[in-house]
């Protein structure tokens, strides 16, 4: 287990993309924890509402996150190289329902968790 932890630390230290993801995840986790505390205070002190309103407001935050992801996905996906192409299909990957186009360097070196090769334009 120590070897796996050391390998993870090395990956974070040496891979800029992994470091960014870990940093953003840590920041999001800390800010969401602070938001949760503030929501409880808001319900108790400002709204003077029942405890159920904590759940309602947390649900609103979740729905806002989903709505934001759906609105921004068409703009972000092409930048990451995973924009679906209309009409593309491949049976080898989980994204077959919507079609996919992976970054070319991933095509040769990566595999999905299912063990199948990544999508490519030749597997349609």
N, C-alpha and C. Protein backbone atom coordinates (compact mmCIF):
# COMPACT_ATOMS: atom_id res chain seq x y z
N UNK A 1 0.82 -1.18 0.00
CA UNK A 1 0.00 0.00 0.00
C UNK A 1 0.87 1.26 0.00
N UNK A 2 1.99 1.21 0.71
CA UNK A 2 2.89 2.38 0.72
C UNK A 2 3.43 2.67 -0.66
N UNK A 3 3.70 1.62 -1.41
CA UNK A 3 4.22 1.81 -2.77
C UNK A 3 3.17 2.49 -3.64
N UNK A 4 1.91 2.11 -3.46
CA UNK A 4 0.84 2.73 -4.24
C UNK A 4 0.66 4.20 -3.87
N UNK A 5 0.76 4.51 -2.58
CA UNK A 5 0.66 5.90 -2.13
C UNK A 5 1.82 6.71 -2.69
N UNK A 6 3.02 6.14 -2.63
CA UNK A 6 4.20 6.83 -3.17
C UNK A 6 4.05 7.06 -4.67
N UNK A 7 3.50 6.07 -5.37
CA UNK A 7 3.29 6.24 -6.81
C UNK A 7 2.28 7.35 -7.08
N UNK A 8 1.23 7.44 -6.29
CA UNK A 8 0.25 8.50 -6.43
C UNK A 8 0.85 9.87 -6.18
N UNK A 9 1.67 9.97 -5.13
CA UNK A 9 2.33 11.25 -4.82
C UNK A 9 3.25 11.65 -5.95
N UNK A 10 3.99 10.67 -6.50
CA UNK A 10 4.87 10.97 -7.64
C UNK A 10 4.07 11.45 -8.85
N UNK A 11 2.93 10.82 -9.09
CA UNK A 11 2.11 11.22 -10.23
C UNK A 11 1.62 12.66 -10.07
N UNK A 12 1.21 13.00 -8.84
CA UNK A 12 0.74 14.36 -8.59
C UNK A 12 1.88 15.35 -8.72
N UNK A 13 3.04 14.97 -8.24
CA UNK A 13 4.18 15.88 -8.26
C UNK A 13 4.70 16.11 -9.68
N UNK A 14 4.69 15.09 -10.51
CA UNK A 14 5.35 15.19 -11.82
C UNK A 14 4.41 15.46 -12.98
N UNK A 15 3.13 15.19 -12.84
CA UNK A 15 2.19 15.39 -13.95
C UNK A 15 1.35 16.63 -13.69
N UNK A 16 1.52 17.62 -14.53
CA UNK A 16 0.84 18.90 -14.34
C UNK A 16 -0.68 18.76 -14.38
N UNK A 17 -1.19 17.92 -15.26
CA UNK A 17 -2.64 17.71 -15.36
C UNK A 17 -3.20 17.07 -14.11
N UNK A 18 -2.52 16.07 -13.61
CA UNK A 18 -2.98 15.41 -12.38
C UNK A 18 -2.92 16.38 -11.21
N UNK A 19 -1.87 17.17 -11.15
CA UNK A 19 -1.74 18.16 -10.07
C UNK A 19 -2.88 19.17 -10.13
N UNK A 20 -3.24 19.60 -11.32
CA UNK A 20 -4.35 20.53 -11.48
C UNK A 20 -5.66 19.91 -11.00
N UNK A 21 -5.92 18.68 -11.40
CA UNK A 21 -7.16 18.01 -10.99
C UNK A 21 -7.22 17.85 -9.48
N UNK A 22 -6.12 17.42 -8.87
CA UNK A 22 -6.10 17.24 -7.42
C UNK A 22 -6.28 18.58 -6.71
N UNK A 23 -5.65 19.63 -7.20
CA UNK A 23 -5.78 20.95 -6.58
C UNK A 23 -7.21 21.47 -6.70
N UNK A 24 -7.79 21.35 -7.88
CA UNK A 24 -9.16 21.82 -8.07
C UNK A 24 -10.15 21.01 -7.23
N UNK A 25 -9.95 19.72 -7.13
CA UNK A 25 -10.82 18.88 -6.31
C UNK A 25 -10.72 19.26 -4.85
N UNK A 26 -9.51 19.49 -4.37
CA UNK A 26 -9.33 19.90 -2.97
C UNK A 26 -9.98 21.25 -2.71
N UNK A 27 -9.81 22.18 -3.62
CA UNK A 27 -10.42 23.49 -3.47
C UNK A 27 -11.93 23.42 -3.49
N UNK A 28 -12.49 22.61 -4.39
CA UNK A 28 -13.94 22.46 -4.47
C UNK A 28 -14.48 21.81 -3.21
N UNK A 29 -13.79 20.81 -2.70
CA UNK A 29 -14.23 20.13 -1.50
C UNK A 29 -14.23 21.07 -0.30
N UNK A 30 -13.19 21.86 -0.17
CA UNK A 30 -13.12 22.81 0.95
C UNK A 30 -14.19 23.89 0.82
N UNK A 31 -14.40 24.39 -0.39
CA UNK A 31 -15.40 25.45 -0.55
C UNK A 31 -16.81 24.92 -0.38
N UNK A 32 -17.06 23.69 -0.81
CA UNK A 32 -18.40 23.13 -0.63
C UNK A 32 -18.66 22.86 0.85
N UNK A 33 -17.65 22.44 1.59
CA UNK A 33 -17.82 22.25 3.03
C UNK A 33 -18.16 23.57 3.71
N UNK A 34 -17.49 24.64 3.32
CA UNK A 34 -17.78 25.96 3.89
C UNK A 34 -19.18 26.41 3.49
N UNK A 35 -19.58 26.15 2.26
CA UNK A 35 -20.91 26.51 1.80
C UNK A 35 -21.99 25.78 2.61
N UNK A 36 -21.75 24.53 2.91
CA UNK A 36 -22.72 23.75 3.69
C UNK A 36 -22.93 24.36 5.07
N UNK A 37 -21.85 24.79 5.69
CA UNK A 37 -21.96 25.43 7.01
C UNK A 37 -22.73 26.75 6.89
N UNK A 38 -22.44 27.51 5.85
CA UNK A 38 -23.13 28.79 5.65
C UNK A 38 -24.62 28.60 5.37
N UNK A 39 -24.96 27.53 4.65
CA UNK A 39 -26.38 27.27 4.37
C UNK A 39 -27.13 27.00 5.67
N UNK A 40 -26.55 26.25 6.56
CA UNK A 40 -27.20 25.98 7.85
C UNK A 40 -27.39 27.28 8.62
N UNK A 41 -26.35 28.11 8.64
CA UNK A 41 -26.47 29.40 9.31
C UNK A 41 -27.51 30.30 8.66
N UNK A 42 -27.57 30.29 7.33
CA UNK A 42 -28.55 31.08 6.60
C UNK A 42 -29.97 30.66 6.96
N UNK A 43 -30.20 29.36 6.97
CA UNK A 43 -31.54 28.86 7.28
C UNK A 43 -31.92 29.21 8.71
N UNK A 44 -30.99 29.03 9.64
CA UNK A 44 -31.31 29.25 11.05
C UNK A 44 -31.44 30.73 11.39
N UNK A 45 -30.52 31.54 10.94
CA UNK A 45 -30.46 32.94 11.39
C UNK A 45 -31.22 33.91 10.49
N UNK A 46 -31.13 33.74 9.19
CA UNK A 46 -31.72 34.73 8.28
C UNK A 46 -33.14 34.33 7.88
N UNK A 47 -33.31 33.11 7.41
CA UNK A 47 -34.63 32.69 6.95
C UNK A 47 -35.56 32.30 8.09
N UNK A 48 -34.99 31.92 9.21
CA UNK A 48 -35.76 31.44 10.35
C UNK A 48 -36.75 30.36 9.91
N UNK A 49 -36.23 29.43 9.09
CA UNK A 49 -37.05 28.34 8.54
C UNK A 49 -36.67 27.03 9.21
N UNK A 50 -37.43 25.99 8.92
CA UNK A 50 -37.17 24.68 9.50
C UNK A 50 -35.95 24.02 8.88
N UNK A 51 -35.57 22.91 9.49
CA UNK A 51 -34.38 22.18 9.04
C UNK A 51 -34.52 21.65 7.62
N UNK A 52 -35.74 21.43 7.18
CA UNK A 52 -35.92 20.90 5.82
C UNK A 52 -35.39 21.87 4.76
N UNK A 53 -35.33 23.15 5.10
CA UNK A 53 -34.82 24.14 4.14
C UNK A 53 -33.33 23.98 3.87
N UNK A 54 -32.61 23.39 4.79
CA UNK A 54 -31.19 23.07 4.51
C UNK A 54 -31.12 22.12 3.33
N UNK A 55 -31.97 21.11 3.33
CA UNK A 55 -32.02 20.16 2.22
C UNK A 55 -32.45 20.81 0.92
N UNK A 56 -33.46 21.68 1.00
CA UNK A 56 -33.92 22.35 -0.21
C UNK A 56 -32.81 23.20 -0.83
N UNK A 57 -32.10 23.94 0.00
CA UNK A 57 -31.03 24.79 -0.52
C UNK A 57 -29.86 23.98 -1.04
N UNK A 58 -29.54 22.87 -0.37
CA UNK A 58 -28.48 21.99 -0.88
C UNK A 58 -28.88 21.37 -2.22
N UNK A 59 -30.16 21.02 -2.35
CA UNK A 59 -30.64 20.48 -3.62
C UNK A 59 -30.55 21.53 -4.72
N UNK A 60 -30.84 22.78 -4.37
CA UNK A 60 -30.72 23.87 -5.35
C UNK A 60 -29.28 24.04 -5.81
N UNK A 61 -28.34 23.90 -4.90
CA UNK A 61 -26.92 23.98 -5.27
C UNK A 61 -26.57 22.84 -6.22
N UNK A 62 -27.05 21.64 -5.93
CA UNK A 62 -26.80 20.50 -6.82
C UNK A 62 -27.40 20.67 -8.19
N UNK A 63 -28.65 21.13 -8.24
CA UNK A 63 -29.29 21.37 -9.53
C UNK A 63 -28.58 22.46 -10.32
N UNK A 64 -28.10 23.47 -9.62
CA UNK A 64 -27.33 24.51 -10.30
C UNK A 64 -26.04 23.97 -10.89
N UNK A 65 -25.40 23.05 -10.18
CA UNK A 65 -24.19 22.43 -10.70
C UNK A 65 -24.44 21.61 -11.94
N UNK A 66 -25.53 20.83 -11.92
CA UNK A 66 -25.89 20.03 -13.09
C UNK A 66 -26.26 20.93 -14.26
N UNK A 67 -27.05 21.96 -14.00
CA UNK A 67 -27.43 22.88 -15.08
C UNK A 67 -26.21 23.58 -15.66
N UNK A 68 -25.30 24.00 -14.80
CA UNK A 68 -24.07 24.64 -15.28
C UNK A 68 -23.23 23.71 -16.12
N UNK A 69 -23.13 22.44 -15.71
CA UNK A 69 -22.36 21.47 -16.48
C UNK A 69 -22.99 21.24 -17.85
N UNK A 70 -24.31 21.15 -17.89
CA UNK A 70 -24.98 20.93 -19.17
C UNK A 70 -24.84 22.13 -20.10
N UNK A 71 -24.86 23.32 -19.55
CA UNK A 71 -24.72 24.52 -20.37
C UNK A 71 -23.29 24.66 -20.88
N UNK A 72 -22.31 24.37 -20.04
CA UNK A 72 -20.91 24.58 -20.42
C UNK A 72 -20.29 23.42 -21.20
N UNK A 73 -20.87 22.23 -21.14
CA UNK A 73 -20.28 21.06 -21.80
C UNK A 73 -19.99 21.27 -23.28
N UNK A 74 -20.89 21.86 -24.05
CA UNK A 74 -20.57 22.04 -25.48
C UNK A 74 -19.38 22.95 -25.72
N UNK A 75 -19.07 23.82 -24.80
CA UNK A 75 -17.94 24.74 -24.97
C UNK A 75 -16.63 24.13 -24.49
N UNK A 76 -16.70 23.29 -23.47
CA UNK A 76 -15.49 22.73 -22.86
C UNK A 76 -15.04 21.46 -23.56
N UNK A 77 -15.97 20.60 -23.96
CA UNK A 77 -15.61 19.31 -24.55
C UNK A 77 -14.70 19.43 -25.76
N UNK A 78 -14.92 20.35 -26.70
CA UNK A 78 -14.00 20.45 -27.84
C UNK A 78 -12.58 20.84 -27.43
N UNK A 79 -12.46 21.62 -26.39
CA UNK A 79 -11.13 22.03 -25.93
C UNK A 79 -10.37 20.82 -25.41
N UNK A 80 -11.08 19.89 -24.74
CA UNK A 80 -10.45 18.69 -24.20
C UNK A 80 -10.31 17.58 -25.23
N UNK A 81 -10.86 17.80 -26.42
CA UNK A 81 -10.72 16.80 -27.47
C UNK A 81 -11.67 15.64 -27.35
N UNK A 82 -12.80 15.80 -26.68
CA UNK A 82 -13.74 14.70 -26.53
C UNK A 82 -15.12 15.09 -27.02
N UNK A 83 -15.18 16.00 -27.98
CA UNK A 83 -16.48 16.46 -28.48
C UNK A 83 -17.15 15.36 -29.29
N UNK A 84 -18.41 15.05 -28.97
CA UNK A 84 -19.11 14.06 -29.78
C UNK A 84 -19.37 14.59 -31.18
N UNK A 85 -19.27 13.73 -32.15
CA UNK A 85 -19.58 14.10 -33.53
C UNK A 85 -20.94 13.51 -33.86
N UNK A 86 -21.81 14.28 -34.46
CA UNK A 86 -23.13 13.75 -34.81
C UNK A 86 -23.00 12.53 -35.71
N UNK A 87 -23.71 11.48 -35.37
CA UNK A 87 -23.73 10.28 -36.20
C UNK A 87 -22.58 9.33 -36.00
N UNK A 88 -21.58 9.67 -35.18
CA UNK A 88 -20.47 8.74 -34.99
C UNK A 88 -20.86 7.68 -33.99
N UNK A 89 -20.43 6.45 -34.25
CA UNK A 89 -20.75 5.35 -33.36
C UNK A 89 -19.58 4.40 -33.29
N UNK A 90 -19.37 3.86 -32.13
CA UNK A 90 -18.42 2.77 -31.99
C UNK A 90 -18.91 1.88 -30.87
N UNK A 91 -18.84 0.61 -31.04
CA UNK A 91 -19.35 -0.30 -30.02
C UNK A 91 -18.32 -0.65 -28.97
N UNK A 92 -17.13 -0.11 -29.08
CA UNK A 92 -16.05 -0.52 -28.18
C UNK A 92 -15.99 0.27 -26.89
N UNK A 93 -16.72 1.35 -26.77
CA UNK A 93 -16.58 2.15 -25.57
C UNK A 93 -17.93 2.55 -24.99
N UNK A 94 -17.95 2.92 -23.72
CA UNK A 94 -19.20 3.29 -23.06
C UNK A 94 -19.87 4.53 -23.65
N UNK A 95 -19.13 5.33 -24.38
CA UNK A 95 -19.71 6.55 -24.93
C UNK A 95 -20.34 6.30 -26.29
N UNK A 96 -20.60 5.04 -26.63
CA UNK A 96 -21.13 4.69 -27.95
C UNK A 96 -22.48 5.31 -28.23
N UNK A 97 -23.25 5.55 -27.19
CA UNK A 97 -24.58 6.12 -27.40
C UNK A 97 -24.52 7.50 -28.04
N UNK A 98 -23.54 8.31 -27.64
CA UNK A 98 -23.47 9.68 -28.16
C UNK A 98 -22.38 9.87 -29.20
N UNK A 99 -21.54 8.88 -29.41
CA UNK A 99 -20.42 9.04 -30.32
C UNK A 99 -19.27 9.72 -29.61
N UNK A 100 -18.07 9.53 -30.11
CA UNK A 100 -16.95 10.18 -29.44
C UNK A 100 -15.78 10.33 -30.38
N UNK A 101 -14.87 11.17 -29.96
CA UNK A 101 -13.62 11.36 -30.69
C UNK A 101 -12.58 11.69 -29.64
N UNK A 102 -11.69 10.78 -29.36
CA UNK A 102 -10.69 10.98 -28.32
C UNK A 102 -9.45 11.64 -28.91
N UNK A 103 -8.68 12.26 -28.05
CA UNK A 103 -7.42 12.85 -28.45
C UNK A 103 -6.54 11.76 -29.05
N UNK A 104 -5.88 12.05 -30.16
CA UNK A 104 -5.16 11.01 -30.90
C UNK A 104 -4.11 10.30 -30.08
N UNK A 105 -3.45 11.00 -29.17
CA UNK A 105 -2.44 10.32 -28.37
C UNK A 105 -3.06 9.32 -27.41
N UNK A 106 -4.31 9.54 -27.03
CA UNK A 106 -4.99 8.59 -26.15
C UNK A 106 -5.36 7.32 -26.89
N UNK A 107 -5.60 7.45 -28.20
CA UNK A 107 -6.05 6.30 -28.97
C UNK A 107 -5.07 5.14 -28.88
N UNK A 108 -3.80 5.46 -28.94
CA UNK A 108 -2.82 4.39 -28.98
C UNK A 108 -2.37 3.94 -27.60
N UNK A 109 -2.51 4.79 -26.58
CA UNK A 109 -1.91 4.44 -25.31
C UNK A 109 -2.90 4.11 -24.20
N UNK A 110 -4.15 4.47 -24.35
CA UNK A 110 -5.11 4.29 -23.26
C UNK A 110 -6.16 3.24 -23.62
N UNK A 111 -6.74 2.67 -22.59
CA UNK A 111 -7.84 1.75 -22.75
C UNK A 111 -8.91 2.11 -21.73
N UNK A 112 -10.16 1.86 -22.07
CA UNK A 112 -11.24 2.09 -21.13
C UNK A 112 -11.14 1.06 -20.00
N UNK A 113 -11.80 1.33 -18.90
CA UNK A 113 -11.79 0.42 -17.75
C UNK A 113 -12.33 -0.95 -18.14
N UNK A 114 -13.19 -1.01 -19.14
CA UNK A 114 -13.76 -2.29 -19.57
C UNK A 114 -12.73 -3.15 -20.30
N UNK A 115 -11.58 -2.58 -20.63
CA UNK A 115 -10.55 -3.33 -21.35
C UNK A 115 -10.63 -3.17 -22.85
N UNK A 116 -11.66 -2.50 -23.32
CA UNK A 116 -11.79 -2.30 -24.76
C UNK A 116 -10.97 -1.11 -25.19
N UNK A 117 -10.52 -1.10 -26.42
CA UNK A 117 -9.72 0.03 -26.89
C UNK A 117 -10.56 1.30 -26.94
N UNK A 118 -9.89 2.41 -26.91
CA UNK A 118 -10.61 3.69 -26.97
C UNK A 118 -11.21 3.89 -28.33
N UNK A 119 -12.12 4.82 -28.42
CA UNK A 119 -12.80 5.10 -29.68
C UNK A 119 -11.82 5.68 -30.69
N UNK A 120 -12.04 5.38 -31.91
CA UNK A 120 -11.27 6.01 -32.98
C UNK A 120 -12.18 6.12 -34.19
N UNK A 121 -11.77 6.93 -35.11
CA UNK A 121 -12.61 7.15 -36.29
C UNK A 121 -12.74 5.89 -37.13
N UNK A 122 -11.83 4.93 -36.99
CA UNK A 122 -11.89 3.71 -37.79
C UNK A 122 -12.81 2.66 -37.18
N UNK A 123 -13.27 2.85 -35.95
CA UNK A 123 -14.09 1.82 -35.31
C UNK A 123 -15.58 2.09 -35.42
N UNK A 124 -15.98 2.95 -36.34
CA UNK A 124 -17.40 3.25 -36.50
C UNK A 124 -18.11 2.17 -37.23
